Amino acid sequence: MIKVAILTVSDSCFQQKREDISGQTIKDLLADDKFEICEYKIVADEHQNIKEALLYFSDELKADIALTTGGTGFGPRDVTPEATIEVCQKMVPGLAEAMRLAGLKKTKKAILSRSVAAIRGNTLIINLPGSPKGVKESLEAILDVLPHAVDMMHGAGH
């Protein structure tokens, strides 16, 4: 089983003004026979809160994958990619490129996503968009390669 932690980055969800549909969309897309949700958390769009959650997911929970949703746009409070980059040691640009490419087939606005994917220790951290549709399209674009990515991260060959 691949251990997955989910982090929703949203001021309105954190303040309980809006339901977290994007986080639920992630849960719905992960097959129960391959993925186990080990943690689910909502934080406000604050750099330090995002960073602390990602450090907890990777260093303490030892999640194989941490999926974030939200905070990847151009808004003044969108800082998820910056927090992710700050805590990670290796970038995985192909995953973010594949997500943007898949989104581009649906809308030109997909190229505005600032999502990144990177590794901290043995945790692959992937930023997904904040909208449920963006989450679905992005995660579906990379979902089938995630088990192999986790195996390689843990020392298996190509």
Protein backbone atom coordinates (compact mmCIF):
# COMPACT_ATOMS: atom_id res chain seq x y z
CA MET A 1 0.00 0.00 0.00
CA ILE A 2 1.16 3.48 -0.87
CA LYS A 3 0.69 5.87 2.05
CA VAL A 4 -0.82 9.17 0.90
CA ALA A 5 -1.26 12.37 2.89
CA ILE A 6 -3.62 15.06 1.56
CA LEU A 7 -3.26 18.76 2.26
CA THR A 8 -5.95 21.22 1.24
CA VAL A 9 -4.67 24.80 1.15
CA SER A 10 -7.64 27.14 1.33
CA ASP A 11 -8.55 30.05 3.56
CA SER A 12 -12.29 29.46 3.07
CA CYS A 13 -12.13 25.72 3.76
CA PHE A 14 -9.91 26.32 6.79
CA GLN A 15 -12.45 28.84 8.11
CA GLN A 16 -15.23 26.32 7.38
CA LYS A 17 -16.94 28.75 5.01
CA ARG A 18 -16.72 26.24 2.15
CA GLU A 19 -16.72 22.46 1.89
CA ASP A 20 -13.46 20.87 0.74
CA ILE A 21 -14.60 19.25 -2.50
CA SER A 22 -11.08 19.20 -3.97
CA GLY A 23 -9.67 17.18 -1.08
CA GLN A 24 -12.59 14.77 -1.40
CA THR A 25 -11.95 14.49 -5.13
CA ILE A 26 -8.40 13.34 -4.40
CA LYS A 27 -9.71 10.72 -1.98
CA ASP A 28 -12.24 9.50 -4.55
CA LEU A 29 -9.59 9.07 -7.26
CA LEU A 30 -7.20 6.96 -5.17
CA ALA A 31 -7.95 3.25 -5.53
CA ASP A 32 -8.41 1.54 -2.17
CA ASP A 33 -6.35 -1.46 -3.28
CA LYS A 34 -3.24 0.66 -4.02
CA PHE A 35 -3.44 3.77 -1.85
CA GLU A 36 -4.04 4.30 1.85
CA ILE A 37 -4.92 7.79 3.12
CA CYS A 38 -2.75 8.20 6.22
CA GLU A 39 -3.55 11.86 6.89
CA TYR A 40 -5.88 14.59 5.67
CA LYS A 41 -5.45 18.20 6.73
CA ILE A 42 -6.72 21.65 5.81
CA VAL A 43 -4.58 24.74 6.30
CA ALA A 44 -4.97 28.42 5.45
CA ASP A 45 -3.00 29.93 2.57
CA GLU A 46 -0.01 30.70 4.78
CA HIS A 47 3.54 29.78 3.76
CA GLN A 48 4.56 28.60 7.24
CA ASN A 49 1.43 26.45 7.74
CA ILE A 50 1.93 24.73 4.39
CA LYS A 51 5.59 24.16 5.10
CA GLU A 52 4.91 22.69 8.55
CA ALA A 53 2.27 20.32 7.19
CA LEU A 54 4.59 19.08 4.44
CA LEU A 55 7.43 18.56 6.92
CA TYR A 56 5.07 16.59 9.17
CA PHE A 57 3.83 14.45 6.27
CA SER A 58 7.36 13.60 5.12
CA ASP A 59 9.50 13.57 8.26
CA GLU A 60 7.08 12.23 10.87
CA LEU A 61 4.31 10.38 9.02
CA LYS A 62 6.73 9.08 6.40
CA ALA A 63 4.03 9.31 3.74
CA ASP A 64 5.07 7.96 0.35
CA ILE A 65 3.12 10.70 -1.41
CA ALA A 66 1.80 14.06 -0.21
CA LEU A 67 -0.83 15.60 -2.48
CA THR A 68 -1.70 19.24 -2.03
CA THR A 69 -4.66 21.04 -3.54
CA GLY A 70 -4.91 24.81 -3.78
CA GLY A 71 -2.57 27.76 -3.67
CA THR A 72 -1.02 27.23 -7.12
CA GLY A 73 -2.48 30.21 -8.94
CA PHE A 74 -1.45 33.84 -9.35
CA GLY A 75 -3.29 35.21 -6.33
CA PRO A 76 -1.39 37.13 -3.67
CA ARG A 77 -1.97 34.33 -1.12
CA ASP A 78 -1.09 31.47 -3.51
CA VAL A 79 2.21 30.22 -2.06
CA THR A 80 1.96 26.42 -2.14
CA PRO A 81 4.70 25.92 -4.77
CA GLU A 82 7.11 28.17 -2.86
CA ALA A 83 6.51 26.30 0.40
CA THR A 84 6.94 22.98 -1.41
CA ILE A 85 10.21 24.02 -3.05
CA GLU A 86 11.53 25.27 0.27
CA VAL A 87 11.17 21.88 1.99
CA CYS A 88 12.25 19.61 -0.87
CA GLN A 89 15.62 18.30 -2.02
CA LYS A 90 14.86 17.11 -5.58
CA MET A 91 12.54 18.53 -8.22
CA VAL A 92 10.40 16.23 -10.41
CA PRO A 93 9.44 18.56 -13.26
CA GLY A 94 7.98 15.85 -15.53
CA LEU A 95 4.96 15.30 -13.28
CA ALA A 96 4.02 18.99 -13.23
CA GLU A 97 4.63 19.23 -16.97
CA ALA A 98 2.38 16.21 -17.62
CA MET A 99 -0.40 17.72 -15.49
CA ARG A 100 -0.21 21.05 -17.34
CA LEU A 101 -0.12 19.28 -20.71
CA ALA A 102 -3.22 17.25 -19.85
CA GLY A 103 -4.99 20.40 -18.68
CA LEU A 104 -3.95 22.28 -21.82
CA LYS A 105 -5.97 19.80 -23.89
CA LYS A 106 -9.08 21.12 -22.09
CA THR A 107 -8.25 24.80 -21.56
CA LYS A 108 -5.42 27.22 -22.34
CA LYS A 109 -5.67 28.45 -18.76
CA ALA A 110 -3.88 25.27 -17.63
CA ILE A 111 -0.56 26.85 -18.55
CA LEU A 112 -1.11 29.34 -15.74
CA SER A 113 -0.78 26.61 -13.09
CA ARG A 114 2.33 26.99 -10.96
CA SER A 115 2.12 23.45 -9.56
CA VAL A 116 5.37 21.69 -8.78
CA ALA A 117 6.36 18.16 -7.87
CA ALA A 118 9.38 17.40 -5.72
CA ILE A 119 10.88 14.93 -3.27
CA ARG A 120 11.74 15.34 0.40
CA GLY A 121 13.40 12.25 1.84
CA ASN A 122 11.18 9.39 0.69
CA THR A 123 8.07 11.51 0.15
CA LEU A 124 6.93 12.65 -3.27
CA ILE A 125 5.09 15.96 -2.90
CA ILE A 126 2.76 16.97 -5.74
CA ASN A 127 0.83 20.24 -5.96
CA LEU A 128 -2.57 19.93 -7.59
CA PRO A 129 -4.86 22.82 -8.57
CA GLY A 130 -7.53 24.05 -6.19
CA SER A 131 -10.59 23.30 -8.31
CA PRO A 132 -12.16 19.81 -8.23
CA LYS A 133 -12.03 19.68 -12.05
CA GLY A 134 -8.35 20.67 -12.05
CA VAL A 135 -7.60 18.08 -9.36
CA LYS A 136 -9.33 15.34 -11.35
CA GLU A 137 -7.67 16.17 -14.68
CA SER A 138 -4.22 16.64 -13.14
CA LEU A 139 -4.24 13.56 -10.93
CA GLU A 140 -5.64 11.35 -13.68
CA ALA A 141 -2.75 12.47 -15.93
CA ILE A 142 -0.12 11.06 -13.54
CA LEU A 143 -1.91 8.50 -11.37
CA ASP A 144 -0.70 5.43 -13.24
CA VAL A 145 3.00 6.33 -12.85
CA LEU A 146 2.85 7.06 -9.11
CA PRO A 147 3.39 3.45 -7.93
CA HIS A 148 6.53 3.21 -10.09
CA ALA A 149 7.73 6.61 -8.84
CA VAL A 150 7.35 5.45 -5.23
CA ASP A 151 9.18 2.20 -5.98
CA MET A 152 12.08 4.11 -7.53
CA MET A 153 12.17 6.54 -4.62
CA HIS A 154 12.55 3.56 -2.30
CA GLY A 155 15.47 2.15 -4.30
CA ALA A 156 13.91 -0.02 -6.99
CA GLY A 157 15.31 0.22 -10.50
CA HIS A 158 13.77 1.81 -13.53
